[in-house]
PDB file of N, CA and C in Angstrom:
ATOM      1  N   MET A   1      26.185  19.869 -22.982  1.00  0.00           N
ATOM      2  CA  MET A   1      25.828  19.458 -22.206  1.00  0.00           C
ATOM      3  C   MET A   1      25.947  18.046 -22.671  1.00  0.00           C
ATOM      4  N   PRO A   2      26.478  17.809 -21.194  1.00  0.00           N
ATOM      5  CA  PRO A   2      26.789  15.877 -21.933  1.00  0.00           C
ATOM      6  C   PRO A   2      24.921  14.922 -21.966  1.00  0.00           C
ATOM      7  N   ARG A   3      25.582  13.797 -22.417  1.00  0.00           N
ATOM      8  CA  ARG A   3      24.109  12.787 -22.412  1.00  0.00           C
ATOM      9  C   ARG A   3      24.152  12.282 -21.851  1.00  0.00           C
ATOM     10  N   PHE A   4      23.609  11.126 -20.635  1.00  0.00           N
ATOM     11  CA  PHE A   4      23.673   9.976 -20.130  1.00  0.00           C
ATOM     12  C   PHE A   4      22.598   9.281 -20.566  1.00  0.00           C
ATOM     13  N   PRO A   5      23.349   7.459 -20.742  1.00  0.00           N
ATOM     14  CA  PRO A   5      22.463   6.581 -21.298  1.00  0.00           C
ATOM     15  C   PRO A   5      21.259   6.597 -20.617  1.00  0.00           C
ATOM     16  N   PHE A   6      20.514   6.273 -21.542  1.00  0.00           N
ATOM     17  CA  PHE A   6      19.114   5.908 -21.362  1.00  0.00           C
ATOM     18  C   PHE A   6      18.799   4.556 -20.527  1.00  0.00           C
ATOM     19  N   ASP A   7      17.911   4.683 -19.609  1.00  0.00           N
ATOM     20  CA  ASP A   7      18.246   2.987 -18.789  1.00  0.00           C
ATOM     21  C   ASP A   7      16.556   3.476 -18.625  1.00  0.00           C
ATOM     22  N   THR A   8      16.021   2.180 -19.310  1.00  0.00           N
ATOM     23  CA  THR A   8      14.134   2.265 -19.182  1.00  0.00           C
ATOM     24  C   THR A   8      14.138   1.563 -17.625  1.00  0.00           C
ATOM     25  N   ARG A   9      14.977   0.669 -16.412  1.00  0.00           N
ATOM     26  CA  ARG A   9      14.880   0.594 -15.370  1.00  0.00           C
ATOM     27  C   ARG A   9      14.061   1.843 -14.664  1.00  0.00           C
ATOM     28  N   ALA A  10      14.785   2.578 -15.031  1.00  0.00           N
ATOM     29  CA  ALA A  10      14.434   4.134 -14.245  1.00  0.00           C
ATOM     30  C   ALA A  10      13.093   4.818 -14.387  1.00  0.00           C
ATOM     31  N   PHE A  11      12.488   4.350 -15.143  1.00  0.00           N
ATOM     32  CA  PHE A  11      11.093   4.694 -15.846  1.00  0.00           C
ATOM     33  C   PHE A  11      10.068   3.072 -15.639  1.00  0.00           C
ATOM     34  N   GLY A  12      10.539   2.519 -14.778  1.00  0.00           N
ATOM     35  CA  GLY A  12       9.679   1.479 -14.172  1.00  0.00           C
ATOM     36  C   GLY A  12       9.227   0.485 -15.561  1.00  0.00           C
ATOM     37  N   SER A  13       9.475   0.381 -16.759  1.00  0.00           N
ATOM     38  CA  SER A  13       9.355  -0.196 -18.145  1.00  0.00           C
ATOM     39  C   SER A  13      10.208  -1.263 -17.810  1.00  0.00           C
ATOM     40  N   THR A  14       9.773  -3.047 -18.755  1.00  0.00           N
ATOM     41  CA  THR A  14       9.917  -3.315 -19.056  1.00  0.00           C
ATOM     42  C   THR A  14      11.080  -3.731 -20.012  1.00  0.00           C
ATOM     43  N   PRO A  15      12.067  -4.557 -20.521  1.00  0.00           N
ATOM     44  CA  PRO A  15      12.803  -4.805 -22.051  1.00  0.00           C
ATOM     45  C   PRO A  15      11.458  -6.049 -22.717  1.00  0.00           C
ATOM     46  N   PRO A  16      12.463  -5.685 -23.658  1.00  0.00           N
ATOM     47  CA  PRO A  16      11.114  -6.395 -24.655  1.00  0.00           C
ATOM     48  C   PRO A  16      11.025  -8.129 -24.377  1.00  0.00           C
ATOM     49  N   GLY A  17      10.242  -8.626 -24.143  1.00  0.00           N
ATOM     50  CA  GLY A  17       9.984  -9.972 -24.278  1.00  0.00           C
ATOM     51  C   GLY A  17       9.840 -10.382 -22.788  1.00  0.00           C
ATOM     52  N   MET A  18      10.064  -9.586 -21.922  1.00  0.00           N
ATOM     53  CA  MET A  18      10.145 -10.020 -20.114  1.00  0.00           C
ATOM     54  C   MET A  18       8.700  -9.246 -19.855  1.00  0.00           C
ATOM     55  N   GLN A  19       7.936 -10.109 -18.540  1.00  0.00           N
ATOM     56  CA  GLN A  19       6.681  -9.708 -18.216  1.00  0.00           C
ATOM     57  C   GLN A  19       7.363  -9.125 -16.927  1.00  0.00           C
ATOM     58  N   PRO A  20       6.534  -8.085 -16.656  1.00  0.00           N
ATOM     59  CA  PRO A  20       6.465  -7.444 -15.116  1.00  0.00           C
ATOM     60  C   PRO A  20       6.582  -8.569 -13.902  1.00  0.00           C
ATOM     61  N   ALA A  21       6.751  -8.245 -12.878  1.00  0.00           N
ATOM     62  CA  ALA A  21       6.688  -9.287 -11.729  1.00  0.00           C
ATOM     63  C   ALA A  21       5.150  -8.577 -10.978  1.00  0.00           C
ATOM     64  N   PRO A  22       4.672  -9.875 -10.601  1.00  0.00           N
ATOM     65  CA  PRO A  22       3.194  -8.917  -9.865  1.00  0.00           C
ATOM     66  C   PRO A  22       3.515  -8.699  -8.849  1.00  0.00           C
ATOM     67  N   ARG A  23       2.252  -7.599  -8.917  1.00  0.00           N
ATOM     68  CA  ARG A  23       2.783  -6.339  -7.535  1.00  0.00           C
ATOM     69  C   ARG A  23       2.215  -7.642  -6.181  1.00  0.00           C
ATOM     70  N   GLN A  24       3.081  -7.533  -5.177  1.00  0.00           N
ATOM     71  CA  GLN A  24       2.373  -7.939  -4.300  1.00  0.00           C
ATOM     72  C   GLN A  24       1.984  -6.943  -3.240  1.00  0.00           C
ATOM     73  N   ALA A  25       0.860  -7.213  -2.139  1.00  0.00           N
ATOM     74  CA  ALA A  25      -0.102  -6.373  -1.376  1.00  0.00           C
ATOM     75  C   ALA A  25       1.139  -5.503  -0.405  1.00  0.00           C
ATOM     76  N   ALA A  26       0.727  -4.639   0.344  1.00  0.00           N
ATOM     77  CA  ALA A  26       1.578  -3.655   1.040  1.00  0.00           C
ATOM     78  C   ALA A  26       1.695  -4.429   2.343  1.00  0.00           C
ATOM     79  N   PRO A  27       2.704  -4.634   2.635  1.00  0.00           N
ATOM     80  CA  PRO A  27       2.804  -4.996   4.110  1.00  0.00           C
ATOM     81  C   PRO A  27       2.242  -3.976   5.091  1.00  0.00           C
ATOM     82  N   THR A  28       1.624  -4.389   6.167  1.00  0.00           N
ATOM     83  CA  THR A  28       0.800  -3.883   7.023  1.00  0.00           C
ATOM     84  C   THR A  28       1.091  -3.694   8.322  1.00  0.00           C
ATOM     85  N   GLN A  29       2.867  -3.455   8.289  1.00  0.00           N
ATOM     86  CA  GLN A  29       3.423  -3.357   9.500  1.00  0.00           C
ATOM     87  C   GLN A  29       3.361  -1.650   9.916  1.00  0.00           C
ATOM     88  N   PHE A  30       3.083  -0.769   9.256  1.00  0.00           N
ATOM     89  CA  PHE A  30       2.725   0.429   9.648  1.00  0.00           C
ATOM     90  C   PHE A  30       1.117   0.649   9.793  1.00  0.00           C
ATOM     91  N   ARG A  31       0.450   1.056  10.881  1.00  0.00           N
ATOM     92  CA  ARG A  31      -0.677   0.713  10.910  1.00  0.00           C
ATOM     93  C   ARG A  31      -1.021   2.686  11.060  1.00  0.00           C
ATOM     94  N   SER A  32      -0.261   3.693  12.080  1.00  0.00           N
ATOM     95  CA  SER A  32      -0.429   4.237  12.426  1.00  0.00           C
ATOM     96  C   SER A  32       1.067   5.133  12.010  1.00  0.00           C
ATOM     97  N   LEU A  33       0.824   6.647  12.051  1.00  0.00           N
ATOM     98  CA  LEU A  33       1.809   7.625  12.053  1.00  0.00           C
ATOM     99  C   LEU A  33       1.628   8.544  12.974  1.00  0.00           C
ATOM    100  N   ASN A  34       2.677   8.435  13.986  1.00  0.00           N
ATOM    101  CA  ASN A  34       2.427   9.710  14.625  1.00  0.00           C
ATOM    102  C   ASN A  34       3.586  11.330  14.360  1.00  0.00           C
ATOM    103  N   ALA A  35       2.882  12.459  14.461  1.00  0.00           N
ATOM    104  CA  ALA A  35       3.875  13.460  13.754  1.00  0.00           C
ATOM    105  C   ALA A  35       4.601  14.253  14.762  1.00  0.00           C
ATOM    106  N   THR A  36       5.866  14.440  14.683  1.00  0.00           N
ATOM    107  CA  THR A  36       7.097  14.937  15.428  1.00  0.00           C
ATOM    108  C   THR A  36       7.216  16.318  15.517  1.00  0.00           C
ATOM    109  N   LEU A  37       7.234  16.928  14.057  1.00  0.00           N
ATOM    110  CA  LEU A  37       7.074  18.142  13.763  1.00  0.00           C
ATOM    111  C   LEU A  37       5.992  19.021  13.150  1.00  0.00           C
ATOM    112  N   LEU A  38       5.700  19.576  13.313  1.00  0.00           N
ATOM    113  CA  LEU A  38       4.512  20.627  13.062  1.00  0.00           C
ATOM    114  C   LEU A  38       4.414  21.929  12.944  1.00  0.00           C
ATOM    115  N   PHE A  39       4.257  22.752  12.013  1.00  0.00           N
ATOM    116  CA  PHE A  39       4.418  24.184  11.881  1.00  0.00           C
ATOM    117  C   PHE A  39       3.050  25.151  13.045  1.00  0.00           C
ATOM    118  N   CYS A  40       3.957  25.841  13.973  1.00  0.00           N
ATOM    119  CA  CYS A  40       2.960  26.771  14.609  1.00  0.00           C
ATOM    120  C   CYS A  40       3.005  27.703  14.208  1.00  0.00           C
ATOM    121  N   PRO A  41       1.530  28.044  13.756  1.00  0.00           N
ATOM    122  CA  PRO A  41       1.410  29.350  13.813  1.00  0.00           C
ATOM    123  C   PRO A  41       1.547  31.136  14.136  1.00  0.00           C
ATOM    124  N   THR A  42       1.403  30.852  15.494  1.00  0.00           N
ATOM    125  CA  THR A  42       2.305  31.548  16.971  1.00  0.00           C
ATOM    126  C   THR A  42       3.448  31.477  16.812  1.00  0.00           C
ATOM    127  N   CYS A  43       4.163  30.616  16.748  1.00  0.00           N
ATOM    128  CA  CYS A  43       6.071  30.128  16.882  1.00  0.00           C
ATOM    129  C   CYS A  43       6.503  30.862  15.457  1.00  0.00           C
ATOM    130  N   LYS A  44       5.575  30.296  14.221  1.00  0.00           N
ATOM    131  CA  LYS A  44       6.426  30.750  13.287  1.00  0.00           C
ATOM    132  C   LYS A  44       7.307  30.113  12.613  1.00  0.00           C
ATOM    133  N   GLU A  45       7.339  28.812  13.361  1.00  0.00           N
ATOM    134  CA  GLU A  45       8.354  28.018  12.807  1.00  0.00           C
ATOM    135  C   GLU A  45       7.668  25.896  13.140  1.00  0.00           C
ATOM    136  N   ALA A  46       8.332  25.128  12.702  1.00  0.00           N
ATOM    137  CA  ALA A  46       8.678  23.721  12.735  1.00  0.00           C
ATOM    138  C   ALA A  46       8.767  23.511  14.325  1.00  0.00           C
ATOM    139  N   THR A  47       7.809  23.331  15.150  1.00  0.00           N
ATOM    140  CA  THR A  47       7.976  22.648  16.742  1.00  0.00           C
ATOM    141  C   THR A  47       7.553  21.341  16.742  1.00  0.00           C
ATOM    142  N   PRO A  48       8.379  21.476  17.862  1.00  0.00           N
ATOM    143  CA  PRO A  48       8.086  19.270  18.263  1.00  0.00           C
ATOM    144  C   PRO A  48       6.340  19.509  19.013  1.00  0.00           C
ATOM    145  N   ALA A  49       5.497  18.807  18.398  1.00  0.00           N
ATOM    146  CA  ALA A  49       4.132  18.199  18.903  1.00  0.00           C
ATOM    147  C   ALA A  49       3.529  17.356  20.289  1.00  0.00           C
ATOM    148  N   ARG A  50       3.127  17.352  20.752  1.00  0.00           N
ATOM    149  CA  ARG A  50       2.406  16.505  21.818  1.00  0.00           C
ATOM    150  C   ARG A  50       1.317  16.196  21.359  1.00  0.00           C
ATOM    151  N   GLU A  51       1.089  15.108  21.326  1.00  0.00           N
ATOM    152  CA  GLU A  51      -0.632  14.741  20.863  1.00  0.00           C
ATOM    153  C   GLU A  51      -1.415  13.955  22.274  1.00  0.00           C
ATOM    154  N   ARG A  52      -2.658  14.965  22.376  1.00  0.00           N
ATOM    155  CA  ARG A  52      -3.322  14.916  22.964  1.00  0.00           C
ATOM    156  C   ARG A  52      -4.581  14.113  23.086  1.00  0.00           C
ATOM    157  N   LEU A  53      -5.386  13.335  23.633  1.00  0.00           N
ATOM    158  CA  LEU A  53      -6.388  12.389  22.899  1.00  0.00           C
ATOM    159  C   LEU A  53      -7.610  13.175  23.727  1.00  0.00           C
ATOM    160  N   LEU A  54      -8.542  13.253  22.616  1.00  0.00           N
ATOM    161  CA  LEU A  54      -9.651  14.495  22.650  1.00  0.00           C
ATOM    162  C   LEU A  54     -10.716  13.562  23.088  1.00  0.00           C
ATOM    163  N   LEU A  55     -11.073  12.633  22.139  1.00  0.00           N
ATOM    164  CA  LEU A  55     -12.462  11.895  22.124  1.00  0.00           C
ATOM    165  C   LEU A  55     -12.245  10.069  22.151  1.00  0.00           C
ATOM    166  N   VAL A  56     -13.002   9.241  22.735  1.00  0.00           N
ATOM    167  CA  VAL A  56     -13.026   7.722  22.051  1.00  0.00           C
ATOM    168  C   VAL A  56     -14.395   7.699  21.740  1.00  0.00           C
ATOM    169  N   LEU A  57     -13.990   7.546  20.226  1.00  0.00           N
ATOM    170  CA  LEU A  57     -15.527   7.325  19.220  1.00  0.00           C
ATOM    171  C   LEU A  57     -15.374   5.879  18.484  1.00  0.00           C
ATOM    172  N   PRO A  58     -16.329   5.304  18.588  1.00  0.00           N
ATOM    173  CA  PRO A  58     -16.700   4.510  17.761  1.00  0.00           C
ATOM    174  C   PRO A  58     -15.900   3.735  16.778  1.00  0.00           C
ATOM    175  N   ALA A  59     -15.421   4.569  16.122  1.00  0.00           N
ATOM    176  CA  ALA A  59     -14.756   4.904  14.615  1.00  0.00           C
ATOM    177  C   ALA A  59     -13.677   4.609  14.813  1.00  0.00           C
ATOM    178  N   GLY A  60     -13.013   5.311  16.699  1.00  0.00           N
ATOM    179  CA  GLY A  60     -11.893   5.311  16.387  1.00  0.00           C
ATOM    180  C   GLY A  60     -11.355   6.648  17.247  1.00  0.00           C
ATOM    181  N   ASN A  61     -10.641   6.766  18.215  1.00  0.00           N
ATOM    182  CA  ASN A  61      -9.738   7.561  18.861  1.00  0.00           C
ATOM    183  C   ASN A  61      -9.331   9.083  17.930  1.00  0.00           C
ATOM    184  N   LYS A  62      -9.844  10.413  18.561  1.00  0.00           N
ATOM    185  CA  LYS A  62      -9.355  11.277  17.866  1.00  0.00           C
ATOM    186  C   LYS A  62      -8.092  12.128  18.667  1.00  0.00           C
ATOM    187  N   TYR A  63      -7.604  12.358  18.127  1.00  0.00           N
ATOM    188  CA  TYR A  63      -6.346  12.982  18.776  1.00  0.00           C
ATOM    189  C   TYR A  63      -6.275  14.519  18.407  1.00  0.00           C
ATOM    190  N   GLU A  64      -5.577  15.769  19.286  1.00  0.00           N
ATOM    191  CA  GLU A  64      -5.160  16.677  18.816  1.00  0.00           C
ATOM    192  C   GLU A  64      -3.549  16.518  19.185  1.00  0.00           C
ATOM    193  N   TYR A  65      -2.744  17.304  18.050  1.00  0.00           N
ATOM    194  CA  TYR A  65      -1.704  18.001  18.018  1.00  0.00           C
ATOM    195  C   TYR A  65      -1.176  19.015  18.835  1.00  0.00           C
ATOM    196  N   VAL A  66      -0.576  19.632  19.706  1.00  0.00           N
ATOM    197  CA  VAL A  66      -0.660  20.721  20.410  1.00  0.00           C
ATOM    198  C   VAL A  66       1.317  21.015  20.695  1.00  0.00           C
ATOM    199  N   CYS A  67       1.470  22.403  20.020  1.00  0.00           N
ATOM    200  CA  CYS A  67       2.830  23.096  20.450  1.00  0.00           C
ATOM    201  C   CYS A  67       3.446  22.972  21.810  1.00  0.00           C
ATOM    202  N   SER A  68       4.976  22.141  21.190  1.00  0.00           N
ATOM    203  CA  SER A  68       5.548  22.225  22.873  1.00  0.00           C
ATOM    204  C   SER A  68       5.642  23.445  23.440  1.00  0.00           C
ATOM    205  N   TYR A  69       6.257  24.267  22.947  1.00  0.00           N
ATOM    206  CA  TYR A  69       6.277  25.612  23.369  1.00  0.00           C
ATOM    207  C   TYR A  69       5.281  26.188  24.062  1.00  0.00           C
ATOM    208  N   CYS A  70       3.965  26.865  23.143  1.00  0.00           N
ATOM    209  CA  CYS A  70       3.180  27.915  23.323  1.00  0.00           C
ATOM    210  C   CYS A  70       1.610  27.086  23.804  1.00  0.00           C
ATOM    211  N   GLY A  71       1.867  25.706  23.880  1.00  0.00           N
ATOM    212  CA  GLY A  71       0.180  24.557  23.786  1.00  0.00           C
ATOM    213  C   GLY A  71      -0.474  25.508  22.541  1.00  0.00           C
ATOM    214  N   THR A  72      -0.413  25.719  21.136  1.00  0.00           N
ATOM    215  CA  THR A  72      -1.367  25.961  20.564  1.00  0.00           C
ATOM    216  C   THR A  72      -1.433  24.466  19.762  1.00  0.00           C
ATOM    217  N   SER A  73      -2.713  24.843  19.501  1.00  0.00           N
ATOM    218  CA  SER A  73      -3.069  23.375  18.746  1.00  0.00           C
ATOM    219  C   SER A  73      -3.056  23.708  17.389  1.00  0.00           C
ATOM    220  N   THR A  74      -1.838  22.693  16.902  1.00  0.00           N
ATOM    221  CA  THR A  74      -1.849  22.450  15.837  1.00  0.00           C
ATOM    222  C   THR A  74      -2.174  21.595  13.957  1.00  0.00           C
ATOM    223  N   GLY A  75      -2.866  20.419  14.804  1.00  0.00           N
ATOM    224  CA  GLY A  75      -3.444  19.635  14.015  1.00  0.00           C
ATOM    225  C   GLY A  75      -4.449  18.143  14.831  1.00  0.00           C
ATOM    226  N   GLU A  76      -4.553  17.694  14.083  1.00  0.00           N
ATOM    227  CA  GLU A  76      -5.771  16.908  14.878  1.00  0.00           C
ATOM    228  C   GLU A  76      -5.662  15.358  13.387  1.00  0.00           C
ATOM    229  N   LYS A  77      -5.927  14.230  14.620  1.00  0.00           N
ATOM    230  CA  LYS A  77      -5.761  13.350  13.654  1.00  0.00           C
ATOM    231  C   LYS A  77      -6.811  11.763  14.482  1.00  0.00           C
ATOM    232  N   THR A  78      -7.885  11.359  13.662  1.00  0.00           N
ATOM    233  CA  THR A  78      -8.690   9.955  13.953  1.00  0.00           C
ATOM    234  C   THR A  78      -7.926   8.665  13.886  1.00  0.00           C
ATOM    235  N   ASP A  79      -7.952   8.410  14.912  1.00  0.00           N
ATOM    236  CA  ASP A  79      -7.386   6.746  14.521  1.00  0.00           C
ATOM    237  C   ASP A  79      -8.186   5.930  13.752  1.00  0.00           C
ATOM    238  N   GLN A  80      -8.483   5.336  12.988  1.00  0.00           N
ATOM    239  CA  GLN A  80      -9.812   4.245  12.619  1.00  0.00           C
ATOM    240  C   GLN A  80      -9.122   2.744  12.359  1.00  0.00           C
ATOM    241  N   GLU A  81      -9.159   2.477  13.506  1.00  0.00           N
ATOM    242  CA  GLU A  81      -9.142   0.958  14.316  1.00  0.00           C
ATOM    243  C   GLU A  81     -10.089   0.106  14.147  1.00  0.00           C
ATOM    244  N   GLU A  82      -9.862  -0.716  13.654  1.00  0.00           N
ATOM    245  CA  GLU A  82     -10.674  -1.696  13.343  1.00  0.00           C
ATOM    246  C   GLU A  82     -11.433  -2.454  15.019  1.00  0.00           C
ATOM    247  N   GLN A  83     -12.222  -1.921  15.667  1.00  0.00           N
ATOM    248  CA  GLN A  83     -12.732  -2.083  16.962  1.00  0.00           C
ATOM    249  C   GLN A  83     -13.599  -3.129  16.762  1.00  0.00           C
ATOM    250  N   LYS A  84     -13.963  -4.061  17.153  1.00  0.00           N
ATOM    251  CA  LYS A  84     -15.121  -4.557  17.502  1.00  0.00           C
ATOM    252  C   LYS A  84     -16.423  -3.699  18.302  1.00  0.00           C
ATOM    253  N   THR A  85     -17.205  -3.093  18.380  1.00  0.00           N
ATOM    254  CA  THR A  85     -18.163  -2.571  19.284  1.00  0.00           C
ATOM    255  C   THR A  85     -19.124  -3.889  19.512  1.00  0.00           C
ATOM    256  N   PRO A  86     -19.249  -4.037  20.931  1.00  0.00           N
ATOM    257  CA  PRO A  86     -20.384  -4.817  21.162  1.00  0.00           C
ATOM    258  C   PRO A  86     -21.640  -4.134  21.331  1.00  0.00           C
ATOM    259  N   LEU A  87     -22.558  -5.840  20.836  1.00  0.00           N
ATOM    260  CA  LEU A  87     -23.976  -5.509  20.462  1.00  0.00           C
ATOM    261  C   LEU A  87     -24.951  -5.463  21.789  1.00  0.00           C
ATOM    262  N   PHE A  88     -25.461  -4.806  21.854  1.00  0.00           N
ATOM    263  CA  PHE A  88     -26.360  -4.968  23.766  1.00  0.00           C
ATOM    264  C   PHE A  88     -27.492  -5.106  23.158  1.00  0.00           C
ATOM    265  N   LEU A  89     -28.135  -5.925  23.224  1.00  0.00           N
ATOM    266  CA  LEU A  89     -29.776  -6.186  23.007  1.00  0.00           C
ATOM    267  C   LEU A  89     -30.279  -6.141  24.052  1.00  0.00           C
ATOM    268  N   PRO A  90     -31.226  -5.773  24.274  1.00  0.00           N
ATOM    269  CA  PRO A  90     -31.947  -5.914  25.463  1.00  0.00           C
ATOM    270  C   PRO A  90     -32.805  -6.963  25.790  1.00  0.00           C
TER     271      PRO A  90
END
């Protein structure tokens, strides 16, 4: 079996005498992800999913994923958006 030279960069370690670069905060460009294919228990395969709004909640909107072919529910998600709920005082 051939042996490959060991490369320390592949495992995240730093060479002696070097300091690791400080980590930066992750960019906030992805606030929400949408599923395109989900496994449908009726069709027995991954099928395109449609997103359907179920509830509008103070914590965020609740969505249901539905199979495009047979209409079976395949999953759900809740968007946890930072919405400022207005405060009503009597």
